[in-house]
Amino acid sequence: MSNFFKGVRLYNGLAILLSIALLAGCTPGTELLNRVPVHSVNFEVLDSNGEPLQGATVESSNGKSTSTDENGMATLRFGTVGVHNVTVSASDHLPTRMTVTLPTDNNELKTARLAQQVDYSGLTSGFAQMSGAQLYPMMFTYLFNSFGYNMELTDYKAGEWTKWRLVTEEDDEDDTLVMRKAFLNETDDGQQWWQIQLFEEDGTTASYTAEVLFDTNKSSIRRYREQIGDNDPQEKPVTENWYSQPNRLTQESIEGAIEERDVQIEVPDGTYSADLINFGVSPGVNLKIWRVLDVPGGTVQYSTEQEDEMVYKSQLVDYGTDADTILGSY
């Protein structure tokens, strides 16, 4: 199967995950509470030039959805307190996600700036002929978070990298994509350079490389450099709110979700003894994490299951400590 069709299947998996996440707050209890929308948050959606975007979709994890008016404005109403994920998208633009916390953000104005869609048709991999609006959120979702939660259970050290195999069919584990992420460098003011790569079918030739400068604690993206295939590296425009920081799990939450200790788990990198962590993210949907503390990030596999059927899983292929800039970013 070509990388294009693998990418389409994986992106469809991302769409399923997004749909599950949007439904996660729609239990009967929250649906009842949402009928009494006591809180509201206002959203201003702009393009990269600061012009309002009419018709942009603003959708929240409480099941509410609306569109922006001619001034790029929209309002979402909430009947529940707590943290809600909000996705903002518009035709021909890169989507963005943000979180709102209620009642803290009640009546607040949130601004989302959407960068113009980028055409990745120059990639040597057919998979990456998907539009930038598809490629960017797919790579960041699979490599850095699941359901908006940070999948790094321990911190990476500078130079550490991990390579991952992404599987969407339990019975066809040859139908995969391979990606890599690496923590390259920390600046004097605490910002971090990370590298992400998408590999060809041989698993060794990178068809896409990006080096990303995150603000402290990955709270935002400040710079983004990329190389597509054999083309020259390029500096890409980065706008505010282009990226939403994954939510970090508390240590108490992680420990409380341990289902079994010293589980034997086989991944492409080998067989590990792991702690199986099992979170119920919504009725019938589970996020499972196999924790091994002596590998970078502390994870060797994580998967999503819906009604005991696998939606997708990420497995550790390899890891090391010699990562450095390829694009001359610093």
Protein backbone atom coordinates (compact mmCIF):
# COMPACT_ATOMS: atom_id res chain seq x y z
CA MET A 1 0.00 0.00 0.00
CA SER A 2 1.40 3.44 -0.93
CA ASN A 3 2.25 6.01 1.72
CA PHE A 4 -0.56 8.16 0.36
CA PHE A 5 -3.25 5.63 1.24
CA LYS A 6 -1.58 4.91 4.57
CA GLY A 7 -1.67 8.62 5.28
CA VAL A 8 -5.32 8.88 4.31
CA ARG A 9 -6.14 5.96 6.63
CA LEU A 10 -4.16 7.51 9.47
CA TYR A 11 -5.74 10.90 8.89
CA ASN A 12 -9.15 9.24 8.93
CA GLY A 13 -8.09 7.81 12.28
CA LEU A 14 -7.31 11.34 13.42
CA ALA A 15 -10.77 12.43 12.30
CA ILE A 16 -12.28 9.60 14.36
CA LEU A 17 -10.25 10.68 17.37
CA LEU A 18 -11.36 14.29 16.94
CA SER A 19 -14.98 13.16 16.70
CA ILE A 20 -14.56 11.07 19.85
CA ALA A 21 -12.96 14.00 21.64
CA LEU A 22 -15.81 16.30 20.65
CA LEU A 23 -18.29 13.76 21.96
CA ALA A 24 -16.37 13.10 25.16
CA GLY A 25 -18.29 15.78 27.02
CA CYS A 26 -21.68 14.62 25.75
CA THR A 27 -22.71 12.16 28.41
CA PRO A 28 -26.40 12.37 29.43
CA GLY A 29 -25.45 14.43 32.47
CA THR A 30 -23.48 17.02 30.52
CA GLU A 31 -26.14 17.19 27.80
CA LEU A 32 -28.67 18.09 30.49
CA LEU A 33 -26.37 20.72 31.96
CA ASN A 34 -25.67 22.19 28.53
CA ARG A 35 -29.34 23.04 28.19
CA VAL A 36 -28.70 25.73 30.79
CA PRO A 37 -25.86 27.71 29.14
CA VAL A 38 -24.83 29.87 32.08
CA HIS A 39 -21.36 30.63 30.65
CA SER A 40 -20.22 31.94 27.30
CA VAL A 41 -16.88 32.58 25.59
CA ASN A 42 -16.41 34.87 22.61
CA PHE A 43 -14.07 34.01 19.75
CA GLU A 44 -12.45 36.27 17.18
CA VAL A 45 -11.06 34.40 14.15
CA LEU A 46 -8.52 36.19 11.95
CA ASP A 47 -6.32 35.23 9.03
CA SER A 48 -2.54 35.64 9.05
CA ASN A 49 -2.95 39.27 7.93
CA GLY A 50 -5.26 40.10 10.81
CA GLU A 51 -8.40 40.19 8.64
CA PRO A 52 -11.63 38.61 10.00
CA LEU A 53 -12.58 35.17 8.66
CA GLN A 54 -16.29 34.77 8.01
CA GLY A 55 -17.75 31.26 8.12
CA ALA A 56 -14.98 29.71 10.23
CA THR A 57 -16.17 26.80 12.36
CA VAL A 58 -15.73 27.03 16.13
CA GLU A 59 -16.44 23.67 17.79
CA SER A 60 -16.12 22.65 21.43
CA SER A 61 -15.74 19.37 23.29
CA ASN A 62 -19.12 20.04 24.96
CA GLY A 63 -20.77 19.26 21.60
CA LYS A 64 -21.50 22.88 20.69
CA SER A 65 -20.61 24.30 17.28
CA THR A 66 -21.06 27.68 15.64
CA SER A 67 -19.69 29.80 12.77
CA THR A 68 -18.15 33.24 12.67
CA ASP A 69 -20.04 36.24 11.31
CA GLU A 70 -18.80 38.84 8.83
CA ASN A 71 -16.61 40.33 11.57
CA GLY A 72 -15.00 36.99 12.34
CA MET A 73 -16.86 36.76 15.66
CA ALA A 74 -18.60 33.78 17.25
CA THR A 75 -19.90 32.83 20.70
CA LEU A 76 -20.01 29.43 22.35
CA ARG A 77 -22.22 28.83 25.39
CA PHE A 78 -21.52 26.30 28.13
CA GLY A 79 -23.58 24.77 30.91
CA THR A 80 -20.67 23.05 32.61
CA VAL A 81 -17.52 24.19 34.38
CA GLY A 82 -14.05 22.81 33.76
CA VAL A 83 -11.72 22.60 30.76
CA HIS A 84 -13.08 22.39 27.22
CA ASN A 85 -11.09 21.87 24.00
CA VAL A 86 -12.09 24.19 21.18
CA THR A 87 -11.21 23.56 17.52
CA VAL A 88 -11.22 26.48 15.05
CA SER A 89 -11.09 25.70 11.34
CA ALA A 90 -11.74 27.44 8.03
CA SER A 91 -11.49 26.48 4.38
CA ASP A 92 -7.95 26.80 2.96
CA HIS A 93 -6.45 27.54 6.37
CA LEU A 94 -4.55 25.54 8.97
CA PRO A 95 -6.83 24.64 11.89
CA THR A 96 -5.95 25.45 15.48
CA ARG A 97 -7.03 24.20 18.88
CA MET A 98 -7.23 25.99 22.20
CA THR A 99 -8.63 25.34 25.64
CA VAL A 100 -11.08 27.38 27.68
CA THR A 101 -11.53 27.02 31.42
CA LEU A 102 -14.85 27.86 33.02
CA PRO A 103 -15.88 29.83 34.94
CA THR A 104 -12.49 31.62 34.64
CA ASP A 105 -12.96 32.42 30.92
CA ASN A 106 -16.64 33.36 31.18
CA ASN A 107 -17.35 36.33 28.84
CA GLU A 108 -13.68 36.45 27.79
CA LEU A 109 -12.57 37.10 24.19
CA LYS A 110 -10.27 34.49 22.63
CA THR A 111 -8.44 35.28 19.39
CA ALA A 112 -7.51 32.55 16.91
CA ARG A 113 -5.24 33.38 13.98
CA LEU A 114 -5.34 30.81 11.19
CA ALA A 115 -2.36 30.53 8.87
CA GLN A 116 -2.95 30.00 5.16
CA GLN A 117 -3.05 26.38 4.02
CA VAL A 118 0.29 25.13 2.67
CA ASP A 119 0.54 22.78 -0.31
CA TYR A 120 2.88 19.86 0.44
CA SER A 121 2.66 18.38 -3.05
CA GLY A 122 6.45 18.53 -3.39
CA LEU A 123 7.02 15.70 -0.95
CA THR A 124 8.53 12.57 -2.39
CA SER A 125 6.10 10.53 -0.28
CA GLY A 126 2.63 10.27 -1.76
CA PHE A 127 1.21 10.43 1.78
CA ALA A 128 2.49 13.92 2.25
CA GLN A 129 0.69 15.16 -0.84
CA MET A 130 -2.11 15.82 1.61
CA SER A 131 -2.68 19.51 2.26
CA GLY A 132 -0.85 21.28 5.05
CA ALA A 133 -4.15 21.60 6.88
CA GLN A 134 -4.14 17.80 7.10
CA LEU A 135 -0.42 17.12 7.56
CA TYR A 136 0.32 19.59 10.35
CA PRO A 137 -2.36 18.53 12.86
CA MET A 138 -1.87 14.84 12.05
CA MET A 139 1.85 14.87 12.82
CA PHE A 140 1.52 16.91 15.99
CA THR A 141 -1.42 14.88 17.24
CA TYR A 142 0.31 11.54 16.81
CA LEU A 143 3.73 12.64 18.08
CA PHE A 144 2.91 14.94 20.98
CA ASN A 145 -0.53 14.18 22.36
CA SER A 146 -3.62 12.00 22.38
CA PHE A 147 -7.06 13.43 23.15
CA GLY A 148 -5.26 16.68 24.00
CA TYR A 149 -3.15 15.01 26.72
CA ASN A 150 0.64 15.10 26.74
CA MET A 151 1.97 11.58 26.08
CA GLU A 152 5.42 12.31 27.55
CA LEU A 153 5.31 10.79 31.03
CA THR A 154 8.95 11.72 31.67
CA ASP A 155 10.97 14.61 30.27
CA TYR A 156 13.29 14.23 27.29
CA LYS A 157 16.90 15.33 27.70
CA ALA A 158 18.62 17.39 25.01
CA GLY A 159 19.68 15.08 22.18
CA GLU A 160 17.18 12.31 22.98
CA TRP A 161 14.93 11.01 20.20
CA THR A 162 12.28 8.36 19.70
CA LYS A 163 11.00 6.74 16.50
CA TRP A 164 7.41 5.50 16.28
CA ARG A 165 5.38 3.12 14.16
CA LEU A 166 1.75 4.18 13.72
CA VAL A 167 -0.73 1.34 13.15
CA THR A 168 -4.43 1.58 12.31
CA GLU A 169 -5.22 -2.05 11.46
CA GLU A 170 -4.62 -4.66 14.19
CA ASP A 171 -4.43 -7.46 11.62
CA ASP A 172 -2.19 -5.59 9.17
CA GLU A 173 0.80 -4.23 11.03
CA ASP A 174 2.75 -3.83 7.80
CA ASP A 175 0.31 -1.03 6.92
CA THR A 176 2.08 1.63 8.96
CA LEU A 177 3.79 4.99 8.93
CA VAL A 178 7.03 5.80 10.73
CA MET A 179 7.68 9.13 12.44
CA ARG A 180 10.42 10.45 14.71
CA LYS A 181 10.59 13.22 17.28
CA ALA A 182 13.67 14.61 19.01
CA PHE A 183 14.45 17.20 21.66
CA LEU A 184 17.36 19.08 20.12
CA ASN A 185 18.31 22.00 22.30
CA GLU A 186 17.16 24.35 25.05
CA THR A 187 17.92 28.07 24.76
CA ASP A 188 19.14 30.22 27.63
CA ASP A 189 15.60 31.55 28.20
CA GLY A 190 14.03 28.07 28.39
CA GLN A 191 12.66 27.75 24.86
CA GLN A 192 13.10 24.34 23.21
CA TRP A 193 13.99 23.21 19.70
CA TRP A 194 12.28 19.95 18.67
CA GLN A 195 12.52 18.01 15.44
CA ILE A 196 9.82 15.90 13.78
CA GLN A 197 10.27 13.66 10.74
CA LEU A 198 8.11 11.55 8.45
CA PHE A 199 9.84 8.62 6.79
CA GLU A 200 9.45 6.84 3.48
CA GLU A 201 8.45 3.17 3.34
CA ASP A 202 12.07 2.09 3.92
CA GLY A 203 11.84 3.65 7.41
CA THR A 204 15.22 5.38 7.01
CA THR A 205 14.72 8.10 4.38
CA ALA A 206 13.00 11.21 5.72
CA SER A 207 10.55 12.72 3.22
CA TYR A 208 9.64 15.55 5.61
CA THR A 209 11.65 17.23 8.36
CA ALA A 210 10.55 20.10 10.57
CA GLU A 211 12.38 21.86 13.39
CA VAL A 212 10.13 23.72 15.76
CA LEU A 213 10.97 26.27 18.45
CA PHE A 214 8.54 25.94 21.35
CA ASP A 215 8.13 28.51 24.07
CA THR A 216 8.68 27.44 27.68
CA ASN A 217 6.79 24.23 28.56
CA LYS A 218 5.66 23.94 24.91
CA SER A 219 3.05 26.62 25.58
CA SER A 220 3.26 27.96 22.01
CA ILE A 221 5.25 27.69 18.78
CA ARG A 222 7.60 30.61 18.05
CA ARG A 223 9.42 29.40 14.90
CA TYR A 224 8.86 26.59 12.38
CA ARG A 225 11.41 25.44 9.80
CA GLU A 226 10.80 22.61 7.34
CA GLN A 227 12.39 20.65 4.53
CA ILE A 228 10.24 18.76 2.04
CA GLY A 229 12.02 15.93 0.25
CA ASP A 230 15.26 17.18 -1.30
CA ASN A 231 14.13 20.80 -1.44
CA ASP A 232 15.95 23.52 0.47
CA PRO A 233 14.87 24.18 4.08
CA GLN A 234 12.40 27.04 4.48
CA GLU A 235 11.38 29.28 7.36
CA LYS A 236 7.59 29.08 7.67
CA PRO A 237 5.32 31.86 8.97
CA VAL A 238 4.06 31.27 12.51
CA THR A 239 1.11 33.12 13.98
CA GLU A 240 -0.17 33.34 17.52
CA ASN A 241 -2.55 30.53 18.55
CA TRP A 242 -1.24 28.30 15.74
CA TYR A 243 -0.76 25.51 18.25
CA SER A 244 -2.43 24.53 21.51
CA GLN A 245 -0.37 23.12 24.36
CA PRO A 246 -1.28 19.52 25.31
CA ASN A 247 -2.65 19.13 28.83
CA ARG A 248 -0.15 17.55 31.20
CA LEU A 249 -1.48 14.68 33.30
CA THR A 250 -0.98 14.92 37.04
CA GLN A 251 1.16 12.27 38.68
CA GLU A 252 -1.78 11.32 40.89
CA SER A 253 -3.98 10.79 37.83
CA ILE A 254 -1.35 8.59 36.19
CA GLU A 255 -0.86 6.46 39.29
CA GLY A 256 -4.61 6.15 39.81
CA ALA A 257 -5.06 4.82 36.26
CA ILE A 258 -2.50 2.00 36.53
CA GLU A 259 -4.43 -1.16 35.68
CA GLU A 260 -1.56 -3.63 35.92
CA ARG A 261 2.16 -3.48 36.68
CA ASP A 262 5.02 -5.42 35.06
CA VAL A 263 3.05 -6.24 31.91
CA GLN A 264 5.12 -7.74 29.11
CA ILE A 265 4.64 -5.65 25.95
CA GLU A 266 6.30 -6.38 22.60
CA VAL A 267 7.00 -3.43 20.31
CA PRO A 268 9.32 -3.15 17.29
CA ASP A 269 12.17 -2.03 19.58
CA GLY A 270 11.89 -5.18 21.71
CA THR A 271 10.00 -6.61 24.70
CA TYR A 272 9.55 -4.44 27.78
CA SER A 273 8.11 -4.83 31.27
CA ALA A 274 5.66 -1.93 31.56
CA ASP A 275 2.96 -0.39 33.70
CA LEU A 276 -0.37 -0.50 31.82
CA ILE A 277 -2.23 2.78 32.33
CA ASN A 278 -5.87 2.84 31.25
CA PHE A 279 -7.91 6.05 31.01
CA GLY A 280 -11.58 6.17 30.07
CA VAL A 281 -11.81 9.33 27.97
CA SER A 282 -15.52 8.89 27.21
CA PRO A 283 -18.11 6.08 27.48
CA GLY A 284 -16.77 3.09 25.52
CA VAL A 285 -13.51 4.83 24.58
CA ASN A 286 -10.20 4.10 26.31
CA LEU A 287 -6.70 5.56 26.06
CA LYS A 288 -4.09 2.98 27.08
CA ILE A 289 -0.45 3.81 27.79
CA TRP A 290 2.39 1.36 28.42
CA ARG A 291 4.86 3.18 30.70
CA VAL A 292 8.57 2.33 30.82
CA LEU A 293 10.47 4.99 32.72
CA ASP A 294 13.97 4.30 31.37
CA VAL A 295 13.21 5.28 27.75
CA PRO A 296 12.90 8.89 26.58
CA GLY A 297 9.40 10.13 27.34
CA GLY A 298 8.64 7.10 29.51
CA THR A 299 6.31 5.43 26.98
CA VAL A 300 6.76 2.46 24.61
CA GLN A 301 3.18 2.20 23.29
CA TYR A 302 -0.11 4.05 23.49
CA SER A 303 -3.38 3.18 21.83
CA THR A 304 -7.00 4.21 21.51
CA GLU A 305 -9.77 1.63 21.69
CA GLN A 306 -13.47 2.13 21.02
CA GLU A 307 -15.77 -0.64 22.28
CA ASP A 308 -12.65 -2.84 22.63
CA GLU A 309 -11.77 -2.27 18.97
CA MET A 310 -8.42 -0.59 18.25
CA VAL A 311 -8.67 2.78 16.51
CA TYR A 312 -4.90 3.26 16.29
CA LYS A 313 -1.73 2.65 18.24
CA SER A 314 1.78 4.10 18.34
CA GLN A 315 4.70 1.77 19.07
CA LEU A 316 8.33 2.51 19.87
CA VAL A 317 10.66 1.49 17.03
CA ASP A 318 13.97 2.86 18.30
CA TYR A 319 15.48 5.59 20.45
CA GLY A 320 18.81 7.32 21.00
CA THR A 321 20.68 10.30 22.39
CA ASP A 322 22.49 11.84 19.38
CA ALA A 323 19.86 14.13 17.82
CA ASP A 324 21.01 17.45 16.39
CA THR A 325 19.74 20.06 13.97
CA ILE A 326 19.55 19.01 10.33
CA LEU A 327 18.18 22.31 9.02
CA GLY A 328 20.71 24.63 10.67
CA SER A 329 18.03 26.10 12.91
CA TYR A 330 20.41 27.30 15.65
